Amino acid sequence: LAIHWGEYGFGGPKQIHLLYVFKLIFY
């Protein structure tokens, strides 16, 4: 898992990050 993190980080789908972008826009 540590080696995988080195290339892909947490590895979650990018829609998770889009959720935070929308939250920042709301803020």
PDB file of all heavy atoms in Angstrom:
ATOM      1  N   LEU A   1       0.821  -1.208   0.000  1.00  0.00           N
ATOM      2  CA  LEU A   1       0.000   0.000   0.000  1.00  0.00           C
ATOM      3  C   LEU A   1       0.860   1.265   0.000  1.00  0.00           C
ATOM      4  O   LEU A   1       0.486   2.269  -0.626  1.00  0.00           O
ATOM      5  CB  LEU A   1      -0.937  -0.013   1.206  1.00  0.00           C
ATOM      6  CG  LEU A   1      -1.986  -1.133   1.204  1.00  0.00           C
ATOM      7  CD1 LEU A   1      -2.779  -1.121   2.509  1.00  0.00           C
ATOM      8  CD2 LEU A   1      -2.920  -1.021   0.013  1.00  0.00           C
ATOM      9  N   ALA A   2       1.983   1.246   0.695  1.00  0.00           N
ATOM     10  CA  ALA A   2       2.860   2.421   0.703  1.00  0.00           C
ATOM     11  C   ALA A   2       3.445   2.670  -0.690  1.00  0.00           C
ATOM     12  O   ALA A   2       3.514   3.816  -1.155  1.00  0.00           O
ATOM     13  CB  ALA A   2       3.974   2.242   1.729  1.00  0.00           C
ATOM     14  N   ILE A   3       3.861   1.602  -1.361  1.00  0.00           N
ATOM     15  CA  ILE A   3       4.397   1.747  -2.725  1.00  0.00           C
ATOM     16  C   ILE A   3       3.306   2.267  -3.655  1.00  0.00           C
ATOM     17  O   ILE A   3       3.545   3.148  -4.493  1.00  0.00           O
ATOM     18  CB  ILE A   3       4.968   0.407  -3.219  1.00  0.00           C
ATOM     19  CG1 ILE A   3       6.244   0.059  -2.440  1.00  0.00           C
ATOM     20  CG2 ILE A   3       5.247   0.448  -4.713  1.00  0.00           C
ATOM     21  CD1 ILE A   3       6.792  -1.316  -2.720  1.00  0.00           C
ATOM     22  N   HIS A   4       2.107   1.750  -3.514  1.00  0.00           N
ATOM     23  CA  HIS A   4       0.995   2.204  -4.353  1.00  0.00           C
ATOM     24  C   HIS A   4       0.687   3.672  -4.075  1.00  0.00           C
ATOM     25  O   HIS A   4       0.387   4.442  -5.013  1.00  0.00           O
ATOM     26  CB  HIS A   4      -0.235   1.336  -4.106  1.00  0.00           C
ATOM     27  CG  HIS A   4      -1.362   1.604  -5.059  1.00  0.00           C
ATOM     28  ND1 HIS A   4      -2.435   2.399  -4.728  1.00  0.00           N
ATOM     29  CD2 HIS A   4      -1.569   1.192  -6.345  1.00  0.00           C
ATOM     30  CE1 HIS A   4      -3.255   2.466  -5.755  1.00  0.00           C
ATOM     31  NE2 HIS A   4      -2.771   1.742  -6.746  1.00  0.00           N
ATOM     32  N   TRP A   5       0.759   4.071  -2.818  1.00  0.00           N
ATOM     33  CA  TRP A   5       0.528   5.480  -2.486  1.00  0.00           C
ATOM     34  C   TRP A   5       1.533   6.375  -3.216  1.00  0.00           C
ATOM     35  O   TRP A   5       1.206   7.467  -3.663  1.00  0.00           O
ATOM     36  CB  TRP A   5       0.625   5.698  -0.976  1.00  0.00           C
ATOM     37  CG  TRP A   5       0.233   7.096  -0.560  1.00  0.00           C
ATOM     38  CD1 TRP A   5       0.926   8.252  -0.791  1.00  0.00           C
ATOM     39  CD2 TRP A   5      -0.971   7.485   0.107  1.00  0.00           C
ATOM     40  NE1 TRP A   5       0.245   9.340  -0.295  1.00  0.00           N
ATOM     41  CE2 TRP A   5      -0.925   8.895   0.258  1.00  0.00           C
ATOM     42  CE3 TRP A   5      -2.066   6.790   0.607  1.00  0.00           C
ATOM     43  CZ2 TRP A   5      -1.941   9.609   0.894  1.00  0.00           C
ATOM     44  CZ3 TRP A   5      -3.080   7.501   1.235  1.00  0.00           C
ATOM     45  CH2 TRP A   5      -3.008   8.888   1.366  1.00  0.00           C
ATOM     46  N   GLY A   6       2.768   5.923  -3.321  1.00  0.00           N
ATOM     47  CA  GLY A   6       3.796   6.726  -3.972  1.00  0.00           C
ATOM     48  C   GLY A   6       3.426   7.143  -5.385  1.00  0.00           C
ATOM     49  O   GLY A   6       3.792   8.230  -5.835  1.00  0.00           O
ATOM     50  N   GLU A   7       2.688   6.298  -6.097  1.00  0.00           N
ATOM     51  CA  GLU A   7       2.281   6.619  -7.468  1.00  0.00           C
ATOM     52  C   GLU A   7       0.876   7.214  -7.556  1.00  0.00           C
ATOM     53  O   GLU A   7       0.612   8.065  -8.410  1.00  0.00           O
ATOM     54  CB  GLU A   7       2.327   5.363  -8.335  1.00  0.00           C
ATOM     55  CG  GLU A   7       3.718   4.993  -8.812  1.00  0.00           C
ATOM     56  CD  GLU A   7       3.674   3.988  -9.946  1.00  0.00           C
ATOM     57  OE1 GLU A   7       3.004   2.955  -9.789  1.00  0.00           O
ATOM     58  OE2 GLU A   7       4.290   4.248 -10.982  1.00  0.00           O
ATOM     59  N   TYR A   8      -0.028   6.782  -6.664  1.00  0.00           N
ATOM     60  CA  TYR A   8      -1.438   7.130  -6.840  1.00  0.00           C
ATOM     61  C   TYR A   8      -2.068   7.821  -5.635  1.00  0.00           C
ATOM     62  O   TYR A   8      -3.247   8.173  -5.683  1.00  0.00           O
ATOM     63  CB  TYR A   8      -2.244   5.862  -7.163  1.00  0.00           C
ATOM     64  CG  TYR A   8      -1.792   5.189  -8.437  1.00  0.00           C
ATOM     65  CD1 TYR A   8      -0.972   4.063  -8.392  1.00  0.00           C
ATOM     66  CD2 TYR A   8      -2.156   5.694  -9.682  1.00  0.00           C
ATOM     67  CE1 TYR A   8      -0.536   3.446  -9.555  1.00  0.00           C
ATOM     68  CE2 TYR A   8      -1.726   5.088 -10.848  1.00  0.00           C
ATOM     69  CZ  TYR A   8      -0.924   3.962 -10.779  1.00  0.00           C
ATOM     70  OH  TYR A   8      -0.493   3.355 -11.940  1.00  0.00           O
ATOM     71  N   GLY A   9      -1.298   8.024  -4.580  1.00  0.00           N
ATOM     72  CA  GLY A   9      -1.881   8.632  -3.400  1.00  0.00           C
ATOM     73  C   GLY A   9      -2.971   7.753  -2.820  1.00  0.00           C
ATOM     74  O   GLY A   9      -2.916   6.525  -2.884  1.00  0.00           O
ATOM     75  N   PHE A  10      -3.989   8.387  -2.271  1.00  0.00           N
ATOM     76  CA  PHE A  10      -5.093   7.648  -1.672  1.00  0.00           C
ATOM     77  C   PHE A  10      -5.787   6.768  -2.702  1.00  0.00           C
ATOM     78  O   PHE A  10      -6.290   5.696  -2.393  1.00  0.00           O
ATOM     79  CB  PHE A  10      -6.082   8.640  -1.053  1.00  0.00           C
ATOM     80  CG  PHE A  10      -7.264   8.008  -0.394  1.00  0.00           C
ATOM     81  CD1 PHE A  10      -7.112   7.183   0.705  1.00  0.00           C
ATOM     82  CD2 PHE A  10      -8.548   8.235  -0.868  1.00  0.00           C
ATOM     83  CE1 PHE A  10      -8.209   6.600   1.321  1.00  0.00           C
ATOM     84  CE2 PHE A  10      -9.650   7.664  -0.264  1.00  0.00           C
ATOM     85  CZ  PHE A  10      -9.478   6.837   0.837  1.00  0.00           C
ATOM     86  N   GLY A  11      -5.815   7.236  -3.952  1.00  0.00           N
ATOM     87  CA  GLY A  11      -6.350   6.414  -5.024  1.00  0.00           C
ATOM     88  C   GLY A  11      -7.841   6.519  -5.225  1.00  0.00           C
ATOM     89  O   GLY A  11      -8.415   5.776  -6.026  1.00  0.00           O
ATOM     90  N   GLY A  12      -8.496   7.428  -4.521  1.00  0.00           N
ATOM     91  CA  GLY A  12      -9.940   7.564  -4.664  1.00  0.00           C
ATOM     92  C   GLY A  12     -10.319   8.213  -5.983  1.00  0.00           C
ATOM     93  O   GLY A  12      -9.498   8.850  -6.648  1.00  0.00           O
ATOM     94  N   PRO A  13     -11.562   8.049  -6.417  1.00  0.00           N
ATOM     95  CA  PRO A  13     -12.008   8.675  -7.662  1.00  0.00           C
ATOM     96  C   PRO A  13     -11.965  10.196  -7.569  1.00  0.00           C
ATOM     97  O   PRO A  13     -12.159  10.774  -6.498  1.00  0.00           O
ATOM     98  CB  PRO A  13     -13.445   8.168  -7.818  1.00  0.00           C
ATOM     99  CG  PRO A  13     -13.867   7.741  -6.456  1.00  0.00           C
ATOM    100  CD  PRO A  13     -12.635   7.270  -5.759  1.00  0.00           C
ATOM    101  N   LYS A  14     -11.728  10.849  -8.694  1.00  0.00           N
ATOM    102  CA  LYS A  14     -11.569  12.304  -8.690  1.00  0.00           C
ATOM    103  C   LYS A  14     -12.861  13.049  -8.377  1.00  0.00           C
ATOM    104  O   LYS A  14     -12.821  14.240  -8.066  1.00  0.00           O
ATOM    105  CB  LYS A  14     -10.995  12.769 -10.027  1.00  0.00           C
ATOM    106  CG  LYS A  14      -9.528  12.405 -10.205  1.00  0.00           C
ATOM    107  CD  LYS A  14      -8.940  13.009 -11.468  1.00  0.00           C
ATOM    108  CE  LYS A  14      -7.455  12.678 -11.584  1.00  0.00           C
ATOM    109  NZ  LYS A  14      -6.844  13.234 -12.806  1.00  0.00           N
ATOM    110  N   GLN A  15     -13.996  12.362  -8.450  1.00  0.00           N
ATOM    111  CA  GLN A  15     -15.234  13.039  -8.080  1.00  0.00           C
ATOM    112  C   GLN A  15     -15.233  13.423  -6.604  1.00  0.00           C
ATOM    113  O   GLN A  15     -15.942  14.347  -6.204  1.00  0.00           O
ATOM    114  CB  GLN A  15     -16.438  12.162  -8.400  1.00  0.00           C
ATOM    115  CG  GLN A  15     -16.531  10.870  -7.616  1.00  0.00           C
ATOM    116  CD  GLN A  15     -17.721  10.022  -8.036  1.00  0.00           C
ATOM    117  OE1 GLN A  15     -18.444  10.390  -8.953  1.00  0.00           O
ATOM    118  NE2 GLN A  15     -17.919   8.899  -7.364  1.00  0.00           N
ATOM    119  N   ILE A  16     -14.411  12.740  -5.812  1.00  0.00           N
ATOM    120  CA  ILE A  16     -14.259  13.133  -4.414  1.00  0.00           C
ATOM    121  C   ILE A  16     -13.660  14.530  -4.329  1.00  0.00           C
ATOM    122  O   ILE A  16     -14.127  15.382  -3.560  1.00  0.00           O
ATOM    123  CB  ILE A  16     -13.380  12.114  -3.661  1.00  0.00           C
ATOM    124  CG1 ILE A  16     -14.121  10.790  -3.486  1.00  0.00           C
ATOM    125  CG2 ILE A  16     -12.941  12.673  -2.300  1.00  0.00           C
ATOM    126  CD1 ILE A  16     -13.284   9.709  -2.825  1.00  0.00           C
ATOM    127  N   HIS A  17     -12.639  14.788  -5.131  1.00  0.00           N
ATOM    128  CA  HIS A  17     -12.007  16.099  -5.109  1.00  0.00           C
ATOM    129  C   HIS A  17     -12.938  17.168  -5.680  1.00  0.00           C
ATOM    130  O   HIS A  17     -12.944  18.311  -5.205  1.00  0.00           O
ATOM    131  CB  HIS A  17     -10.691  16.052  -5.890  1.00  0.00           C
ATOM    132  CG  HIS A  17      -9.731  15.024  -5.368  1.00  0.00           C
ATOM    133  ND1 HIS A  17      -9.687  13.751  -5.864  1.00  0.00           N
ATOM    134  CD2 HIS A  17      -8.800  15.083  -4.384  1.00  0.00           C
ATOM    135  CE1 HIS A  17      -8.765  13.060  -5.209  1.00  0.00           C
ATOM    136  NE2 HIS A  17      -8.205  13.845  -4.314  1.00  0.00           N
ATOM    137  N   LEU A  18     -13.740  16.793  -6.669  1.00  0.00           N
ATOM    138  CA  LEU A  18     -14.712  17.743  -7.215  1.00  0.00           C
ATOM    139  C   LEU A  18     -15.723  18.149  -6.152  1.00  0.00           C
ATOM    140  O   LEU A  18     -16.183  19.295  -6.128  1.00  0.00           O
ATOM    141  CB  LEU A  18     -15.424  17.126  -8.420  1.00  0.00           C
ATOM    142  CG  LEU A  18     -14.592  16.967  -9.694  1.00  0.00           C
ATOM    143  CD1 LEU A  18     -15.393  16.245 -10.771  1.00  0.00           C
ATOM    144  CD2 LEU A  18     -14.127  18.332 -10.201  1.00  0.00           C
ATOM    145  N   LEU A  19     -16.073  17.214  -5.277  1.00  0.00           N
ATOM    146  CA  LEU A  19     -16.979  17.537  -4.175  1.00  0.00           C
ATOM    147  C   LEU A  19     -16.417  18.678  -3.330  1.00  0.00           C
ATOM    148  O   LEU A  19     -17.137  19.619  -2.960  1.00  0.00           O
ATOM    149  CB  LEU A  19     -17.201  16.291  -3.306  1.00  0.00           C
ATOM    150  CG  LEU A  19     -17.979  16.491  -2.010  1.00  0.00           C
ATOM    151  CD1 LEU A  19     -19.426  16.844  -2.297  1.00  0.00           C
ATOM    152  CD2 LEU A  19     -17.910  15.227  -1.149  1.00  0.00           C
ATOM    153  N   TYR A  20     -15.111  18.622  -3.058  1.00  0.00           N
ATOM    154  CA  TYR A  20     -14.484  19.681  -2.260  1.00  0.00           C
ATOM    155  C   TYR A  20     -14.387  20.989  -3.041  1.00  0.00           C
ATOM    156  O   TYR A  20     -14.477  22.071  -2.455  1.00  0.00           O
ATOM    157  CB  TYR A  20     -13.094  19.232  -1.801  1.00  0.00           C
ATOM    158  CG  TYR A  20     -13.139  18.213  -0.689  1.00  0.00           C
ATOM    159  CD1 TYR A  20     -13.067  16.853  -0.955  1.00  0.00           C
ATOM    160  CD2 TYR A  20     -13.274  18.609   0.637  1.00  0.00           C
ATOM    161  CE1 TYR A  20     -13.122  15.913   0.051  1.00  0.00           C
ATOM    162  CE2 TYR A  20     -13.315  17.674   1.664  1.00  0.00           C
ATOM    163  CZ  TYR A  20     -13.245  16.324   1.369  1.00  0.00           C
ATOM    164  OH  TYR A  20     -13.304  15.409   2.374  1.00  0.00           O
ATOM    165  N   VAL A  21     -14.207  20.895  -4.347  1.00  0.00           N
ATOM    166  CA  VAL A  21     -14.198  22.111  -5.168  1.00  0.00           C
ATOM    167  C   VAL A  21     -15.550  22.801  -5.073  1.00  0.00           C
ATOM    168  O   VAL A  21     -15.634  24.028  -4.877  1.00  0.00           O
ATOM    169  CB  VAL A  21     -13.856  21.777  -6.633  1.00  0.00           C
ATOM    170  CG1 VAL A  21     -14.049  23.001  -7.526  1.00  0.00           C
ATOM    171  CG2 VAL A  21     -12.412  21.270  -6.742  1.00  0.00           C
ATOM    172  N   PHE A  22     -16.634  22.024  -5.194  1.00  0.00           N
ATOM    173  CA  PHE A  22     -17.975  22.608  -5.089  1.00  0.00           C
ATOM    174  C   PHE A  22     -18.211  23.186  -3.688  1.00  0.00           C
ATOM    175  O   PHE A  22     -18.849  24.227  -3.526  1.00  0.00           O
ATOM    176  CB  PHE A  22     -19.034  21.562  -5.416  1.00  0.00           C
ATOM    177  CG  PHE A  22     -19.019  21.106  -6.847  1.00  0.00           C
ATOM    178  CD1 PHE A  22     -19.212  19.773  -7.172  1.00  0.00           C
ATOM    179  CD2 PHE A  22     -18.789  22.012  -7.873  1.00  0.00           C
ATOM    180  CE1 PHE A  22     -19.191  19.356  -8.493  1.00  0.00           C
ATOM    181  CE2 PHE A  22     -18.767  21.599  -9.195  1.00  0.00           C
ATOM    182  CZ  PHE A  22     -18.968  20.273  -9.506  1.00  0.00           C
ATOM    183  N   LYS A  23     -17.675  22.508  -2.684  1.00  0.00           N
ATOM    184  CA  LYS A  23     -17.827  23.018  -1.317  1.00  0.00           C
ATOM    185  C   LYS A  23     -17.094  24.338  -1.139  1.00  0.00           C
ATOM    186  O   LYS A  23     -17.592  25.264  -0.480  1.00  0.00           O
ATOM    187  CB  LYS A  23     -17.316  21.984  -0.308  1.00  0.00           C
ATOM    188  CG  LYS A  23     -17.519  22.395   1.163  1.00  0.00           C
ATOM    189  CD  LYS A  23     -17.339  21.213   2.092  1.00  0.00           C
ATOM    190  CE  LYS A  23     -15.900  20.837   2.282  1.00  0.00           C
ATOM    191  NZ  LYS A  23     -15.228  21.680   3.293  1.00  0.00           N
ATOM    192  N   LEU A  24     -15.915  24.452  -1.736  1.00  0.00           N
ATOM    193  CA  LEU A  24     -15.179  25.716  -1.673  1.00  0.00           C
ATOM    194  C   LEU A  24     -15.929  26.835  -2.392  1.00  0.00           C
ATOM    195  O   LEU A  24     -15.967  27.976  -1.918  1.00  0.00           O
ATOM    196  CB  LEU A  24     -13.794  25.544  -2.287  1.00  0.00           C
ATOM    197  CG  LEU A  24     -12.672  25.057  -1.378  1.00  0.00           C
ATOM    198  CD1 LEU A  24     -11.366  24.990  -2.157  1.00  0.00           C
ATOM    199  CD2 LEU A  24     -12.512  25.956  -0.168  1.00  0.00           C
ATOM    200  N   ILE A  25     -16.522  26.516  -3.535  1.00  0.00           N
ATOM    201  CA  ILE A  25     -17.316  27.517  -4.250  1.00  0.00           C
ATOM    202  C   ILE A  25     -18.484  27.977  -3.387  1.00  0.00           C
ATOM    203  O   ILE A  25     -18.783  29.175  -3.305  1.00  0.00           O
ATOM    204  CB  ILE A  25     -17.806  26.945  -5.599  1.00  0.00           C
ATOM    205  CG1 ILE A  25     -16.616  26.700  -6.535  1.00  0.00           C
ATOM    206  CG2 ILE A  25     -18.822  27.885  -6.258  1.00  0.00           C
ATOM    207  CD1 ILE A  25     -16.980  25.966  -7.809  1.00  0.00           C
ATOM    208  N   PHE A  26     -19.133  27.033  -2.729  1.00  0.00           N
ATOM    209  CA  PHE A  26     -20.226  27.376  -1.808  1.00  0.00           C
ATOM    210  C   PHE A  26     -19.723  28.277  -0.691  1.00  0.00           C
ATOM    211  O   PHE A  26     -20.343  29.302  -0.365  1.00  0.00           O
ATOM    212  CB  PHE A  26     -20.828  26.089  -1.229  1.00  0.00           C
ATOM    213  CG  PHE A  26     -21.863  26.321  -0.164  1.00  0.00           C
ATOM    214  CD1 PHE A  26     -23.190  26.502  -0.506  1.00  0.00           C
ATOM    215  CD2 PHE A  26     -21.505  26.341   1.183  1.00  0.00           C
ATOM    216  CE1 PHE A  26     -24.155  26.716   0.480  1.00  0.00           C
ATOM    217  CE2 PHE A  26     -22.456  26.558   2.174  1.00  0.00           C
ATOM    218  CZ  PHE A  26     -23.785  26.746   1.823  1.00  0.00           C
ATOM    219  N   TYR A  27     -18.601  27.893  -0.092  1.00  0.00           N
ATOM    220  CA  TYR A  27     -18.023  28.676   1.004  1.00  0.00           C
ATOM    221  C   TYR A  27     -17.750  30.112   0.575  1.00  0.00           C
ATOM    222  O   TYR A  27     -18.081  31.067   1.289  1.00  0.00           O
ATOM    223  CB  TYR A  27     -16.744  27.990   1.481  1.00  0.00           C
ATOM    224  CG  TYR A  27     -15.792  28.869   2.254  1.00  0.00           C
ATOM    225  CD1 TYR A  27     -16.051  29.232   3.578  1.00  0.00           C
ATOM    226  CD2 TYR A  27     -14.620  29.347   1.658  1.00  0.00           C
ATOM    227  CE1 TYR A  27     -15.169  30.041   4.287  1.00  0.00           C
ATOM    228  CE2 TYR A  27     -13.734  30.145   2.356  1.00  0.00           C
ATOM    229  CZ  TYR A  27     -14.013  30.494   3.658  1.00  0.00           C
ATOM    230  OH  TYR A  27     -13.136  31.295   4.348  1.00  0.00           O
TER     231      TYR A  27
END
